[in-house]
Protein backbone atom coordinates (compact mmCIF):
# COMPACT_ATOMS: atom_id res chain seq x y z
CA UNK A 1 -6.36 -0.72 14.28
CA UNK A 2 -2.75 -0.92 15.55
CA UNK A 3 -1.92 -3.67 13.01
CA UNK A 4 -3.53 -1.54 10.29
CA UNK A 5 -1.42 1.46 11.32
CA UNK A 6 1.74 -0.66 11.34
CA UNK A 7 1.01 -1.92 7.81
CA UNK A 8 0.34 1.61 6.57
CA UNK A 9 3.46 2.99 8.28
CA UNK A 10 5.67 0.21 6.91
CA UNK A 11 4.33 0.58 3.40
CA UNK A 12 4.72 4.35 3.48
CA UNK A 13 8.33 4.00 4.60
CA UNK A 14 9.05 1.53 1.82
CA UNK A 15 7.50 3.75 -0.79
CA UNK A 16 9.33 6.85 0.45
CA UNK A 17 12.66 5.05 0.39
CA UNK A 18 12.01 3.65 -3.04
CA UNK A 19 11.24 7.02 -4.57
CA UNK A 20 13.67 9.22 -2.66
CA UNK A 21 15.74 11.16 -5.11
CA UNK A 22 14.67 9.82 -8.54
CA UNK A 23 16.67 11.90 -11.03
CA UNK A 24 14.99 11.40 -14.40
CA UNK A 25 11.75 13.06 -15.43
CA UNK A 26 9.61 10.57 -17.34
CA UNK A 27 7.33 11.61 -20.14
CA UNK A 28 3.78 10.28 -20.48
CA UNK A 29 3.59 7.37 -22.91
CA UNK A 30 0.34 7.46 -24.89
CA UNK A 31 -1.76 4.37 -24.21
CA UNK A 32 0.30 3.29 -21.18
CA UNK A 33 -1.53 3.69 -17.87
CA UNK A 34 -0.90 2.94 -14.22
CA UNK A 35 -4.04 1.95 -12.36
CA UNK A 36 -3.24 2.90 -8.78
CA UNK A 37 -6.28 1.09 -7.39
CA UNK A 38 -5.05 -2.15 -9.01
CA UNK A 39 -1.56 -1.62 -7.61
CA UNK A 40 -2.94 -0.93 -4.13
CA UNK A 41 -4.97 -4.15 -4.38
CA UNK A 42 -1.77 -6.07 -5.19
CA UNK A 43 -0.13 -4.69 -2.05
CA UNK A 44 -3.19 -5.68 0.00
CA UNK A 45 -3.03 -9.18 -1.52
CA UNK A 46 0.50 -9.51 -0.13
CA UNK A 47 -0.75 -8.49 3.33
CA UNK A 48 -3.66 -10.92 3.03
CA UNK A 49 -1.26 -13.78 2.28
CA UNK A 50 0.73 -13.07 5.44
CA UNK A 51 -2.40 -12.70 7.55
CA UNK A 52 -3.78 -15.93 6.14
CA UNK A 53 -0.53 -17.81 6.74
CA UNK A 54 -0.74 -16.94 10.44
CA UNK A 55 -4.54 -17.20 10.64
CA UNK A 56 -4.86 -13.53 11.65
CA UNK A 57 -8.17 -11.73 11.26
CA UNK A 58 -8.03 -7.96 11.74
CA UNK A 59 -11.18 -6.66 13.45
CA UNK A 60 -13.58 -4.59 11.39
CA UNK A 61 -16.66 -2.53 12.37
CA UNK A 62 -18.54 -4.71 9.88
CA UNK A 63 -17.56 -8.03 11.47
CA UNK A 64 -21.20 -8.72 12.36
CA UNK A 65 -21.95 -8.72 8.62
CA UNK A 66 -19.10 -11.10 7.79
CA UNK A 67 -20.15 -14.57 6.72
CA UNK A 68 -18.56 -17.39 8.74
CA UNK A 69 -16.91 -18.85 5.61
CA UNK A 70 -15.45 -15.41 4.73
CA UNK A 71 -12.81 -15.07 7.43
CA UNK A 72 -10.28 -13.15 5.35
CA UNK A 73 -7.64 -11.19 7.27
CA UNK A 74 -8.91 -7.77 6.19
CA UNK A 75 -12.60 -7.02 5.74
CA UNK A 76 -15.03 -4.15 5.31
CA UNK A 77 -13.91 -0.63 6.15
CA UNK A 78 -10.62 -1.94 7.57
CA UNK A 79 -9.82 -3.27 4.08
CA UNK A 80 -11.13 -0.25 2.20
CA UNK A 81 -9.44 2.30 4.49
CA UNK A 82 -6.10 0.54 4.06
CA UNK A 83 -6.71 0.38 0.30
CA UNK A 84 -7.31 4.14 0.22
CA UNK A 85 -4.18 4.84 2.29
CA UNK A 86 -1.99 2.64 0.09
CA UNK A 87 -3.41 4.13 -3.08
CA UNK A 88 -2.74 7.63 -1.76
CA UNK A 89 0.86 6.67 -0.98
CA UNK A 90 1.29 5.22 -4.46
CA UNK A 91 -0.01 8.42 -6.01
CA UNK A 92 2.40 10.46 -3.87
CA UNK A 93 5.32 8.24 -4.92
CA UNK A 94 4.40 8.38 -8.58
CA UNK A 95 4.11 12.16 -8.34
CA UNK A 96 7.53 12.41 -6.67
CA UNK A 97 9.03 10.29 -9.45
CA UNK A 98 7.41 12.45 -12.09
CA UNK A 99 8.97 15.51 -10.45
CA UNK A 100 12.51 14.15 -10.39
CA UNK A 101 12.87 12.26 -7.09
CA UNK A 102 15.78 9.80 -7.08
CA UNK A 103 15.10 6.13 -6.27
CA UNK A 104 17.22 4.72 -3.44
CA UNK A 105 16.47 1.06 -2.79
CA UNK A 106 17.75 -1.34 -0.17
CA UNK A 107 18.73 1.27 2.43
CA UNK A 108 17.05 3.54 4.93
CA UNK A 109 17.19 7.32 4.68
CA UNK A 110 17.37 7.77 8.44
CA UNK A 111 14.61 10.37 8.22
CA UNK A 112 11.58 8.22 8.95
């Protein structure tokens, strides 16, 4: 759970810094959509790659249901809870951007 919390905290920080202070309000483009669940899955894929590289398997309450040949880093409710948290953060960031937050990349705000 600690590793999960560290991932969520790090991602939230990155998203807050990215969206802090975006100045332009963007209009909705007909036919263009952002699928936040897809984007959250992409973020989780990046975590999975790191976990796999170091052969790390984060414990899950459903580990007893995990097949021996399915030793992915994130599994079950650990995976889905992190997915929900990341998706929520993405939605918050997108909302901030839509309401005029300025994007500041490559530096910390000092407020986290």
